[in-house]
Amino acid sequence: MVKLKIKTGDTVRIIAGDHKGTEGKVLKVDKEKNKAIVEGANMVSKHEKPSASNPQGGIVKKEAPIHISNLSLLTGKGETTRVGYEIQDGKKVRVAKKSKEVI
């Protein structure tokens, strides 16, 4: 299993596919499938059966997972960057390759 450089809560931009250019927050990361769910991106229509929590049922818009390779992390200035690692004060931290700032 590959170490993923994108974590839950990161702000990312989609760099490939139908939703290219869309930005959003990562809601969930699936390490086994190398996919992430981005808030407001890659929306699909899902048919839901009526249940106790949703008595009406019907068609629901929902985010679908996107492959990690199609996502790029955003820095504080809003530019895309790759992720590196450094040891600072005895701790391993994620660092933006472009600006060298700690993420």
C-alpha atoms as a PDB file:
ATOM      1  CA  MET A   1       0.000   0.000   0.000  1.00  0.00           C
ATOM      2  CA  VAL A   2       1.358   3.421  -1.039  1.00  0.00           C
ATOM      3  CA  LYS A   3       1.591   6.297   1.437  1.00  0.00           C
ATOM      4  CA  LEU A   4      -0.976   8.918   0.468  1.00  0.00           C
ATOM      5  CA  LYS A   5       0.058  12.561   0.638  1.00  0.00           C
ATOM      6  CA  ILE A   6      -3.502  13.900   0.764  1.00  0.00           C
ATOM      7  CA  LYS A   7      -5.396  13.734   4.047  1.00  0.00           C
ATOM      8  CA  THR A   8      -8.929  14.428   5.265  1.00  0.00           C
ATOM      9  CA  GLY A   9      -9.496  18.175   5.669  1.00  0.00           C
ATOM     10  CA  ASP A  10      -6.989  19.241   2.978  1.00  0.00           C
ATOM     11  CA  THR A  11      -8.053  21.728   0.302  1.00  0.00           C
ATOM     12  CA  VAL A  12      -7.433  20.268  -3.154  1.00  0.00           C
ATOM     13  CA  ARG A  13      -7.957  21.094  -6.830  1.00  0.00           C
ATOM     14  CA  ILE A  14      -9.043  18.468  -9.362  1.00  0.00           C
ATOM     15  CA  ILE A  15      -6.435  18.433 -12.145  1.00  0.00           C
ATOM     16  CA  ALA A  16      -7.936  15.841 -14.523  1.00  0.00           C
ATOM     17  CA  GLY A  17     -11.294  14.503 -15.647  1.00  0.00           C
ATOM     18  CA  ASP A  18     -14.769  15.996 -16.094  1.00  0.00           C
ATOM     19  CA  HIS A  19     -14.512  18.169 -12.970  1.00  0.00           C
ATOM     20  CA  LYS A  20     -11.070  19.627 -13.772  1.00  0.00           C
ATOM     21  CA  GLY A  21     -10.438  22.947 -12.009  1.00  0.00           C
ATOM     22  CA  THR A  22     -12.947  22.334  -9.189  1.00  0.00           C
ATOM     23  CA  GLU A  23     -11.649  23.054  -5.692  1.00  0.00           C
ATOM     24  CA  GLY A  24     -12.939  21.645  -2.439  1.00  0.00           C
ATOM     25  CA  LYS A  25     -12.198  20.101   0.927  1.00  0.00           C
ATOM     26  CA  VAL A  26     -11.396  16.396   1.225  1.00  0.00           C
ATOM     27  CA  LEU A  27     -14.198  14.747   3.229  1.00  0.00           C
ATOM     28  CA  LYS A  28     -12.910  11.174   3.254  1.00  0.00           C
ATOM     29  CA  VAL A  29      -9.903   9.197   1.999  1.00  0.00           C
ATOM     30  CA  ASP A  30     -10.036   5.496   1.061  1.00  0.00           C
ATOM     31  CA  LYS A  31      -6.462   4.188   1.383  1.00  0.00           C
ATOM     32  CA  GLU A  32      -7.201   0.724  -0.055  1.00  0.00           C
ATOM     33  CA  LYS A  33      -8.663   2.086  -3.308  1.00  0.00           C
ATOM     34  CA  ASN A  34      -6.445   5.260  -3.469  1.00  0.00           C
ATOM     35  CA  LYS A  35      -9.558   7.440  -3.759  1.00  0.00           C
ATOM     36  CA  ALA A  36     -10.885  10.529  -2.000  1.00  0.00           C
ATOM     37  CA  ILE A  37     -14.268  12.241  -1.741  1.00  0.00           C
ATOM     38  CA  VAL A  38     -14.079  15.992  -2.409  1.00  0.00           C
ATOM     39  CA  GLU A  39     -16.831  18.313  -1.133  1.00  0.00           C
ATOM     40  CA  GLY A  40     -19.057  19.568  -3.969  1.00  0.00           C
ATOM     41  CA  ALA A  41     -17.150  17.763  -6.737  1.00  0.00           C
ATOM     42  CA  ASN A  42     -17.963  14.718  -8.894  1.00  0.00           C
ATOM     43  CA  MET A  43     -21.667  14.765  -7.967  1.00  0.00           C
ATOM     44  CA  VAL A  44     -23.733  11.728  -8.987  1.00  0.00           C
ATOM     45  CA  SER A  45     -27.468  10.989  -8.739  1.00  0.00           C
ATOM     46  CA  LYS A  46     -28.222   8.064  -6.453  1.00  0.00           C
ATOM     47  CA  HIS A  47     -31.615   6.380  -6.098  1.00  0.00           C
ATOM     48  CA  GLU A  48     -32.520   5.853  -2.446  1.00  0.00           C
ATOM     49  CA  LYS A  49     -35.152   3.495  -1.123  1.00  0.00           C
ATOM     50  CA  PRO A  50     -37.529   4.916   1.494  1.00  0.00           C
ATOM     51  CA  SER A  51     -36.240   4.189   5.009  1.00  0.00           C
ATOM     52  CA  ALA A  52     -36.787   5.350   8.593  1.00  0.00           C
ATOM     53  CA  SER A  53     -34.205   8.131   8.223  1.00  0.00           C
ATOM     54  CA  ASN A  54     -35.447   9.118   4.739  1.00  0.00           C
ATOM     55  CA  PRO A  55     -39.184   8.236   4.530  1.00  0.00           C
ATOM     56  CA  GLN A  56     -39.628   9.934   1.138  1.00  0.00           C
ATOM     57  CA  GLY A  57     -36.795   8.140  -0.695  1.00  0.00           C
ATOM     58  CA  GLY A  58     -36.139   9.401  -4.227  1.00  0.00           C
ATOM     59  CA  ILE A  59     -33.085  10.653  -6.102  1.00  0.00           C
ATOM     60  CA  VAL A  60     -30.243  12.109  -4.029  1.00  0.00           C
ATOM     61  CA  LYS A  61     -27.198  14.057  -5.275  1.00  0.00           C
ATOM     62  CA  LYS A  62     -24.027  12.694  -3.694  1.00  0.00           C
ATOM     63  CA  GLU A  63     -20.238  13.065  -4.080  1.00  0.00           C
ATOM     64  CA  ALA A  64     -18.484  10.122  -5.727  1.00  0.00           C
ATOM     65  CA  PRO A  65     -14.842   9.162  -5.032  1.00  0.00           C
ATOM     66  CA  ILE A  66     -12.048  10.551  -7.247  1.00  0.00           C
ATOM     67  CA  HIS A  67      -8.662   8.892  -7.730  1.00  0.00           C
ATOM     68  CA  ILE A  68      -5.851  10.511  -5.707  1.00  0.00           C
ATOM     69  CA  SER A  69      -3.730  10.956  -8.858  1.00  0.00           C
ATOM     70  CA  ASN A  70      -6.341  13.418 -10.177  1.00  0.00           C
ATOM     71  CA  LEU A  71      -6.032  15.687  -7.117  1.00  0.00           C
ATOM     72  CA  SER A  72      -3.432  18.320  -6.293  1.00  0.00           C
ATOM     73  CA  LEU A  73      -2.959  19.944  -2.894  1.00  0.00           C
ATOM     74  CA  LEU A  74      -3.465  23.723  -2.612  1.00  0.00           C
ATOM     75  CA  THR A  75      -1.186  26.007  -0.599  1.00  0.00           C
ATOM     76  CA  GLY A  76      -2.447  28.896   1.528  1.00  0.00           C
ATOM     77  CA  LYS A  77      -2.074  31.215  -1.494  1.00  0.00           C
ATOM     78  CA  GLY A  78      -4.282  28.933  -3.606  1.00  0.00           C
ATOM     79  CA  GLU A  79      -1.647  27.462  -5.919  1.00  0.00           C
ATOM     80  CA  THR A  80      -1.223  23.736  -6.557  1.00  0.00           C
ATOM     81  CA  THR A  81       1.832  21.993  -5.174  1.00  0.00           C
ATOM     82  CA  ARG A  82       3.373  18.594  -4.624  1.00  0.00           C
ATOM     83  CA  VAL A  83       3.999  17.341  -1.091  1.00  0.00           C
ATOM     84  CA  GLY A  84       7.340  16.560   0.531  1.00  0.00           C
ATOM     85  CA  TYR A  85       8.376  15.640   4.056  1.00  0.00           C
ATOM     86  CA  GLU A  86      10.940  17.182   6.419  1.00  0.00           C
ATOM     87  CA  ILE A  87      12.009  16.583  10.004  1.00  0.00           C
ATOM     88  CA  GLN A  88      11.490  19.732  12.086  1.00  0.00           C
ATOM     89  CA  ASP A  89      12.098  19.757  15.854  1.00  0.00           C
ATOM     90  CA  GLY A  90      12.114  15.956  15.886  1.00  0.00           C
ATOM     91  CA  LYS A  91       8.742  15.701  14.112  1.00  0.00           C
ATOM     92  CA  LYS A  92       8.019  14.665  10.527  1.00  0.00           C
ATOM     93  CA  VAL A  93       5.947  17.382   8.823  1.00  0.00           C
ATOM     94  CA  ARG A  94       4.390  17.777   5.364  1.00  0.00           C
ATOM     95  CA  VAL A  95       5.946  20.567   3.287  1.00  0.00           C
ATOM     96  CA  ALA A  96       4.758  22.228   0.045  1.00  0.00           C
ATOM     97  CA  LYS A  97       7.407  21.657  -2.629  1.00  0.00           C
ATOM     98  CA  LYS A  98       6.781  25.033  -4.336  1.00  0.00           C
ATOM     99  CA  SER A  99       6.811  27.402  -1.367  1.00  0.00           C
ATOM    100  CA  LYS A 100       8.586  25.234   1.258  1.00  0.00           C
ATOM    101  CA  GLU A 101       5.819  26.125   3.758  1.00  0.00           C
ATOM    102  CA  VAL A 102       4.612  23.601   6.338  1.00  0.00           C
ATOM    103  CA  ILE A 103       1.139  22.256   5.577  1.00  0.00           C
END
